[in-house]
């Protein structure tokens, strides 16, 4: 009889509920740090409306990119 695969042992060791809890905490920590960083850098921008609109538009879209791997990990093995 063959031993169970390493991935199968990993999946059994961490339930979907625990992964989602860890992911939720990670998302909240990341978003808090991201908002503080964006606001701090935004205060140092020139007070020209088009510069601020461009900066906050890009910052409002980019926040999701680092979270995609975390979200896919959270939803693995549903």
N, C-alpha and C. Protein backbone atom coordinates (compact mmCIF):
# COMPACT_ATOMS: atom_id res chain seq x y z
N UNK A 1 0.85 -1.18 0.00
CA UNK A 1 0.00 0.00 0.00
C UNK A 1 0.89 1.24 0.00
N UNK A 2 0.54 2.21 -0.81
CA UNK A 2 1.33 3.43 -0.92
C UNK A 2 0.96 4.43 0.18
N UNK A 3 1.94 5.20 0.64
CA UNK A 3 1.63 6.23 1.65
C UNK A 3 0.81 7.34 1.02
N UNK A 4 0.02 8.04 1.82
CA UNK A 4 -0.79 9.14 1.27
C UNK A 4 0.10 10.25 0.74
N UNK A 5 -0.38 10.94 -0.26
CA UNK A 5 0.38 12.03 -0.86
C UNK A 5 0.56 13.16 0.16
N UNK A 6 1.62 13.90 -0.03
CA UNK A 6 1.92 15.01 0.88
C UNK A 6 0.79 16.04 0.84
N UNK A 7 0.28 16.31 -0.33
CA UNK A 7 -0.80 17.28 -0.45
C UNK A 7 -2.06 16.83 0.27
N UNK A 8 -2.33 15.54 0.25
CA UNK A 8 -3.51 15.03 0.93
C UNK A 8 -3.38 15.20 2.44
N UNK A 9 -2.19 14.98 2.97
CA UNK A 9 -1.98 15.19 4.41
C UNK A 9 -2.13 16.66 4.76
N UNK A 10 -1.63 17.53 3.88
CA UNK A 10 -1.74 18.97 4.14
C UNK A 10 -3.20 19.41 4.14
N UNK A 11 -3.95 18.94 3.16
CA UNK A 11 -5.36 19.31 3.07
C UNK A 11 -6.13 18.83 4.30
N UNK A 12 -5.80 17.64 4.77
CA UNK A 12 -6.51 17.11 5.92
C UNK A 12 -6.13 17.86 7.19
N UNK A 13 -4.91 18.37 7.25
CA UNK A 13 -4.45 19.05 8.45
C UNK A 13 -5.09 20.43 8.61
N UNK A 14 -5.45 21.08 7.52
CA UNK A 14 -6.02 22.42 7.60
C UNK A 14 -7.39 22.43 6.92
N UNK A 15 -8.40 22.63 7.69
CA UNK A 15 -9.75 22.62 7.13
C UNK A 15 -10.02 23.93 6.38
N UNK A 16 -11.06 23.92 5.59
CA UNK A 16 -11.43 25.11 4.84
C UNK A 16 -11.79 26.25 5.79
N UNK A 17 -12.37 25.93 6.90
CA UNK A 17 -12.75 26.95 7.89
C UNK A 17 -11.52 27.66 8.45
N UNK A 18 -10.48 26.92 8.74
CA UNK A 18 -9.24 27.51 9.28
C UNK A 18 -8.56 28.35 8.21
N UNK A 19 -8.51 27.84 6.96
CA UNK A 19 -7.91 28.62 5.86
C UNK A 19 -8.64 29.94 5.68
N UNK A 20 -9.95 29.92 5.75
CA UNK A 20 -10.73 31.16 5.56
C UNK A 20 -10.52 32.13 6.72
N UNK A 21 -10.37 31.62 7.92
CA UNK A 21 -10.08 32.48 9.05
C UNK A 21 -8.71 33.14 8.91
N UNK A 22 -7.70 32.35 8.56
CA UNK A 22 -6.36 32.90 8.36
C UNK A 22 -6.37 33.91 7.21
N UNK A 23 -7.04 33.59 6.13
CA UNK A 23 -7.12 34.49 4.99
C UNK A 23 -7.83 35.79 5.33
N UNK A 24 -8.90 35.71 6.10
CA UNK A 24 -9.63 36.91 6.48
C UNK A 24 -8.76 37.84 7.32
N UNK A 25 -8.03 37.28 8.27
CA UNK A 25 -7.13 38.09 9.10
C UNK A 25 -6.03 38.69 8.22
N UNK A 26 -5.49 37.90 7.30
CA UNK A 26 -4.47 38.41 6.39
C UNK A 26 -4.97 39.55 5.51
N UNK A 27 -6.20 39.41 5.02
CA UNK A 27 -6.78 40.47 4.19
C UNK A 27 -6.98 41.74 4.99
N UNK A 28 -7.49 41.62 6.21
CA UNK A 28 -7.70 42.81 7.05
C UNK A 28 -6.39 43.50 7.39
N UNK A 29 -5.36 42.73 7.70
CA UNK A 29 -4.05 43.32 8.01
C UNK A 29 -3.48 44.01 6.78
N UNK A 30 -3.55 43.33 5.63
CA UNK A 30 -3.02 43.92 4.40
C UNK A 30 -3.77 45.20 4.04
N UNK A 31 -5.10 45.17 4.08
CA UNK A 31 -5.86 46.35 3.69
C UNK A 31 -5.62 47.52 4.64
N UNK A 32 -5.46 47.25 5.92
CA UNK A 32 -5.15 48.33 6.86
C UNK A 32 -3.82 48.97 6.52
N UNK A 33 -2.80 48.16 6.29
CA UNK A 33 -1.48 48.70 5.93
C UNK A 33 -1.53 49.42 4.58
N UNK A 34 -2.28 48.88 3.63
CA UNK A 34 -2.38 49.48 2.31
C UNK A 34 -3.06 50.84 2.37
N UNK A 35 -4.13 50.95 3.12
CA UNK A 35 -4.85 52.22 3.24
C UNK A 35 -3.96 53.28 3.89
N UNK A 36 -3.24 52.88 4.94
CA UNK A 36 -2.33 53.83 5.60
C UNK A 36 -1.24 54.28 4.64
N UNK A 37 -0.67 53.35 3.88
CA UNK A 37 0.39 53.70 2.94
C UNK A 37 -0.12 54.61 1.82
N UNK A 38 -1.28 54.28 1.27
CA UNK A 38 -1.85 55.08 0.17
C UNK A 38 -2.20 56.49 0.66
N UNK A 39 -2.78 56.58 1.84
CA UNK A 39 -3.15 57.90 2.37
C UNK A 39 -1.91 58.73 2.69
N UNK A 40 -0.87 58.09 3.24
CA UNK A 40 0.36 58.81 3.57
C UNK A 40 1.03 59.32 2.30
N UNK A 41 1.13 58.47 1.28
CA UNK A 41 1.72 58.92 0.02
C UNK A 41 0.83 59.94 -0.67
N UNK A 42 -0.47 59.80 -0.55
CA UNK A 42 -1.40 60.74 -1.17
C UNK A 42 -1.28 62.13 -0.59
N UNK A 43 -0.93 62.24 0.69
CA UNK A 43 -0.73 63.56 1.31
C UNK A 43 0.48 64.28 0.74
N UNK A 44 1.43 63.53 0.22
CA UNK A 44 2.66 64.13 -0.30
C UNK A 44 2.57 64.47 -1.78
N UNK A 45 1.46 64.15 -2.40
CA UNK A 45 1.27 64.47 -3.83
C UNK A 45 1.03 65.96 -4.01
N UNK A 46 1.32 66.46 -5.20
CA UNK A 46 0.93 67.84 -5.50
C UNK A 46 -0.58 67.99 -5.42
N UNK A 47 -1.05 69.14 -5.06
CA UNK A 47 -2.49 69.37 -4.87
C UNK A 47 -3.21 69.65 -6.18
N UNK A 48 -2.74 69.07 -7.25
CA UNK A 48 -3.39 69.20 -8.55
C UNK A 48 -4.44 68.09 -8.67
N UNK A 49 -5.66 68.44 -9.06
CA UNK A 49 -6.75 67.49 -9.05
C UNK A 49 -6.50 66.28 -9.95
N UNK A 50 -5.89 66.50 -11.13
CA UNK A 50 -5.71 65.38 -12.05
C UNK A 50 -4.63 64.40 -11.55
N UNK A 51 -3.65 64.90 -10.82
CA UNK A 51 -2.64 64.02 -10.24
C UNK A 51 -3.29 63.16 -9.15
N UNK A 52 -4.12 63.77 -8.32
CA UNK A 52 -4.78 63.03 -7.26
C UNK A 52 -5.80 62.03 -7.81
N UNK A 53 -6.54 62.42 -8.81
CA UNK A 53 -7.51 61.50 -9.42
C UNK A 53 -6.79 60.29 -10.02
N UNK A 54 -5.70 60.53 -10.73
CA UNK A 54 -4.94 59.43 -11.32
C UNK A 54 -4.35 58.52 -10.23
N UNK A 55 -3.76 59.11 -9.21
CA UNK A 55 -3.14 58.33 -8.13
C UNK A 55 -4.17 57.47 -7.40
N UNK A 56 -5.26 58.08 -6.98
CA UNK A 56 -6.26 57.32 -6.22
C UNK A 56 -7.02 56.33 -7.10
N UNK A 57 -7.13 56.60 -8.38
CA UNK A 57 -7.76 55.63 -9.29
C UNK A 57 -6.89 54.39 -9.42
N UNK A 58 -5.60 54.59 -9.61
CA UNK A 58 -4.68 53.45 -9.72
C UNK A 58 -4.61 52.71 -8.39
N UNK A 59 -4.49 53.45 -7.29
CA UNK A 59 -4.41 52.82 -5.97
C UNK A 59 -5.69 52.07 -5.63
N UNK A 60 -6.82 52.54 -6.11
CA UNK A 60 -8.09 51.87 -5.85
C UNK A 60 -8.26 50.58 -6.62
N UNK A 61 -7.50 50.40 -7.69
CA UNK A 61 -7.59 49.18 -8.49
C UNK A 61 -6.50 48.19 -8.09
N UNK A 62 -5.32 48.68 -7.79
CA UNK A 62 -4.14 47.83 -7.58
C UNK A 62 -4.22 47.03 -6.28
N UNK A 63 -5.01 47.44 -5.32
CA UNK A 63 -5.03 46.75 -4.02
C UNK A 63 -5.43 45.28 -4.15
N UNK A 64 -6.20 44.97 -5.16
CA UNK A 64 -6.68 43.60 -5.30
C UNK A 64 -5.65 42.62 -5.85
N UNK A 65 -4.68 43.12 -6.58
CA UNK A 65 -3.70 42.23 -7.22
C UNK A 65 -2.93 41.35 -6.23
N UNK A 66 -2.41 41.89 -5.13
CA UNK A 66 -1.69 41.00 -4.20
C UNK A 66 -2.62 40.04 -3.45
N UNK A 67 -3.91 40.31 -3.45
CA UNK A 67 -4.83 39.46 -2.71
C UNK A 67 -5.33 38.25 -3.50
N UNK A 68 -5.17 38.25 -4.81
CA UNK A 68 -5.66 37.13 -5.62
C UNK A 68 -5.08 35.79 -5.20
N UNK A 69 -3.76 35.67 -4.98
CA UNK A 69 -3.24 34.37 -4.53
C UNK A 69 -3.80 33.95 -3.16
N UNK A 70 -3.96 34.89 -2.26
CA UNK A 70 -4.49 34.57 -0.94
C UNK A 70 -5.94 34.10 -1.04
N UNK A 71 -6.72 34.77 -1.85
CA UNK A 71 -8.13 34.39 -2.01
C UNK A 71 -8.25 33.01 -2.67
N UNK A 72 -7.40 32.73 -3.67
CA UNK A 72 -7.46 31.41 -4.28
C UNK A 72 -7.02 30.33 -3.30
N UNK A 73 -6.04 30.62 -2.43
CA UNK A 73 -5.63 29.66 -1.41
C UNK A 73 -6.76 29.42 -0.41
N UNK A 74 -7.47 30.48 -0.05
CA UNK A 74 -8.58 30.35 0.88
C UNK A 74 -9.67 29.44 0.32
N UNK A 75 -9.91 29.50 -0.98
CA UNK A 75 -11.01 28.74 -1.58
C UNK A 75 -10.59 27.37 -2.09
N UNK A 76 -9.37 26.98 -1.87
CA UNK A 76 -8.89 25.66 -2.32
C UNK A 76 -9.52 24.57 -1.44
N UNK A 77 -9.93 23.51 -2.06
CA UNK A 77 -10.44 22.37 -1.33
C UNK A 77 -11.79 22.59 -0.67
N UNK A 78 -12.64 23.35 -1.30
CA UNK A 78 -13.97 23.63 -0.73
C UNK A 78 -14.75 22.38 -0.56
